[in-house]
Amino acid sequence: MEEKLHDIPFVLSALYKELNSLRNKYSLVAKQKKTLFKELPFKDSLLALKEQEIKRLTRENLKLEKKLSCFELPVKNSCNSSIPASKNPIAKTSILHTRSLRKKSNLSTGGQPGHQGHTLERYPDPDVVQNHVCDQSRHDLKDF
């Protein structure tokens, strides 16, 4: 081993080969670094697009879950089953609707102003006339 150490041209030659090998590796790494830095903006924009798509799909998923929840079976209580009202859970009583869910209108009840009514008129010349008698008092009802 000592003989090889004293042989300076041999040692320099080996060091020169190792130095060239390291330079080649360094140039490959530098090229890879350049290509990676060139791809970086593209990768960033691609990542941003994917994040937007994830947000959109999450919102769509929430909407669909909300629609689907309408079709799930409700909790049984006295309103939708034969369970007595005394067995209703206390916390759920505020959910039960005891009144109509329709909103109050400003219109009065009955026929509205301006609406023409329809009345069944008497026929002037009927084909058949029937006299009815009250079952309890046996009075004729033709005057009523």
Protein backbone atom coordinates (compact mmCIF):
# COMPACT_ATOMS: atom_id res chain seq x y z
CA MET A 1 0.00 0.00 0.00
CA GLU A 2 2.82 2.36 0.81
CA GLU A 3 4.25 1.77 -2.60
CA LYS A 4 1.12 3.15 -4.23
CA LEU A 5 1.17 6.21 -1.98
CA HIS A 6 4.71 7.05 -3.08
CA ASP A 7 3.67 6.76 -6.70
CA ILE A 8 2.46 10.35 -7.12
CA PRO A 9 1.43 10.11 -10.78
CA PHE A 10 -0.76 7.11 -9.96
CA VAL A 11 -2.46 8.96 -7.05
CA LEU A 12 -2.97 12.09 -9.16
CA SER A 13 -4.46 10.04 -11.96
CA ALA A 14 -6.93 8.38 -9.57
CA LEU A 15 -7.87 11.73 -8.05
CA TYR A 16 -8.33 13.22 -11.53
CA LYS A 17 -10.69 10.38 -12.54
CA GLU A 18 -12.70 10.81 -9.33
CA LEU A 19 -12.88 14.57 -9.90
CA ASN A 20 -14.23 14.06 -13.45
CA SER A 21 -16.77 11.59 -12.16
CA LEU A 22 -17.97 14.11 -9.55
CA ARG A 23 -18.14 16.88 -12.20
CA ASN A 24 -20.34 14.65 -14.39
CA LYS A 25 -22.63 13.89 -11.44
CA TYR A 26 -22.79 17.59 -10.59
CA SER A 27 -23.75 18.54 -14.16
CA LEU A 28 -26.52 15.90 -14.15
CA VAL A 29 -27.84 17.21 -10.83
CA ALA A 30 -27.68 20.82 -12.15
CA LYS A 31 -29.67 19.81 -15.28
CA GLN A 32 -32.27 18.03 -13.15
CA LYS A 33 -32.52 21.10 -10.91
CA LYS A 34 -33.12 23.33 -13.97
CA THR A 35 -35.86 21.07 -15.30
CA LEU A 36 -37.49 20.89 -11.87
CA PHE A 37 -37.46 24.69 -11.54
CA LYS A 38 -38.99 24.94 -15.03
CA GLU A 39 -41.77 22.50 -14.03
CA LEU A 40 -42.42 24.20 -10.69
CA PRO A 41 -44.87 26.93 -11.95
CA PHE A 42 -46.81 24.30 -13.91
CA LYS A 43 -47.02 22.08 -10.85
CA ASP A 44 -48.16 25.05 -8.72
CA SER A 45 -50.95 25.92 -11.15
CA LEU A 46 -51.96 22.26 -11.36
CA LEU A 47 -52.07 22.09 -7.56
CA ALA A 48 -54.23 25.22 -7.41
CA LEU A 49 -56.65 23.72 -9.97
CA LYS A 50 -56.89 20.52 -7.96
CA GLU A 51 -57.58 22.47 -4.76
CA GLN A 52 -60.39 24.36 -6.52
CA GLU A 53 -61.84 21.07 -7.78
CA ILE A 54 -61.71 19.61 -4.26
CA LYS A 55 -63.58 22.65 -2.88
CA ARG A 56 -66.21 22.40 -5.64
CA LEU A 57 -66.70 18.69 -5.06
CA THR A 58 -66.95 19.24 -1.30
CA ARG A 59 -69.71 21.84 -1.80
CA GLU A 60 -71.53 19.53 -4.22
CA ASN A 61 -71.20 16.66 -1.75
CA LEU A 62 -72.76 18.77 1.02
CA LYS A 63 -75.69 19.73 -1.24
CA LEU A 64 -76.31 16.11 -2.19
CA GLU A 65 -76.10 14.96 1.43
CA LYS A 66 -78.66 17.62 2.34
CA LYS A 67 -81.01 16.41 -0.44
CA LEU A 68 -80.53 12.80 0.61
CA SER A 69 -81.32 13.55 4.24
CA CYS A 70 -84.91 14.36 3.19
CA PHE A 71 -85.41 10.71 2.24
CA GLU A 72 -84.12 9.21 5.47
CA LEU A 73 -86.69 7.78 7.84
CA PRO A 74 -87.76 10.23 10.54
CA VAL A 75 -87.53 9.40 14.22
CA LYS A 76 -90.76 7.77 15.38
CA ASN A 77 -92.93 9.86 17.67
CA SER A 78 -96.62 10.31 18.43
CA CYS A 79 -97.19 12.27 15.18
CA ASN A 80 -95.93 9.65 12.74
CA SER A 81 -96.58 6.36 14.56
CA SER A 82 -98.82 4.75 17.15
CA ILE A 83 -96.48 5.71 20.00
CA PRO A 84 -98.39 7.65 22.71
CA ALA A 85 -97.54 11.32 23.23
CA SER A 86 -96.26 10.58 26.74
CA LYS A 87 -93.44 8.52 25.18
CA ASN A 88 -92.15 11.42 23.02
CA PRO A 89 -88.61 12.46 23.91
CA ILE A 90 -88.61 15.77 25.79
CA ALA A 91 -85.93 17.37 23.61
CA LYS A 92 -87.86 16.51 20.44
CA THR A 93 -91.15 18.17 21.47
CA SER A 94 -90.05 21.51 20.03
CA ILE A 95 -89.73 19.86 16.61
CA LEU A 96 -93.32 18.58 16.58
CA HIS A 97 -95.62 20.85 14.61
CA THR A 98 -98.90 21.36 16.42
CA ARG A 99 -100.13 24.10 14.11
CA SER A 100 -100.37 24.54 10.38
CA LEU A 101 -97.18 25.54 8.64
CA ARG A 102 -99.07 27.84 6.24
CA LYS A 103 -98.27 31.53 6.53
CA LYS A 104 -101.06 33.94 7.47
CA SER A 105 -102.53 35.79 4.50
CA ASN A 106 -103.85 39.38 4.40
CA LEU A 107 -107.02 38.16 2.64
CA SER A 108 -110.23 37.70 4.58
CA THR A 109 -111.83 34.26 4.83
CA GLY A 110 -114.59 33.25 2.43
CA GLY A 111 -115.33 34.69 -1.00
CA GLN A 112 -113.02 37.45 -2.09
CA PRO A 113 -114.20 40.88 -3.32
CA GLY A 114 -114.73 40.92 -7.07
CA HIS A 115 -115.27 37.18 -7.37
CA GLN A 116 -118.60 36.32 -8.98
CA GLY A 117 -120.36 33.53 -7.09
CA HIS A 118 -122.11 30.52 -8.61
CA THR A 119 -125.60 29.58 -7.39
CA LEU A 120 -127.65 26.59 -8.44
CA GLU A 121 -130.84 28.21 -9.77
CA ARG A 122 -134.28 26.61 -9.55
CA TYR A 123 -135.45 25.02 -12.71
CA PRO A 124 -138.77 26.67 -13.76
CA ASP A 125 -140.38 23.51 -15.12
CA PRO A 126 -139.08 20.38 -13.28
CA ASP A 127 -139.78 16.89 -14.65
CA VAL A 128 -140.42 15.35 -11.22
CA VAL A 129 -141.54 16.92 -7.94
CA GLN A 130 -140.89 14.96 -4.72
CA ASN A 131 -142.42 15.78 -1.33
CA HIS A 132 -140.27 14.92 1.68
CA VAL A 133 -141.55 14.26 5.19
CA CYS A 134 -139.56 14.64 8.40
CA ASP A 135 -138.93 11.23 9.97
CA GLN A 136 -139.37 12.38 13.57
CA SER A 137 -142.32 14.81 13.42
CA ARG A 138 -143.95 13.52 10.23
CA HIS A 139 -144.36 17.14 8.96
CA ASP A 140 -144.25 17.96 5.31
CA LEU A 141 -141.00 19.79 4.35
CA LYS A 142 -142.26 21.55 1.20
CA ASP A 143 -142.38 24.96 2.99
CA PHE A 144 -138.74 24.81 4.03
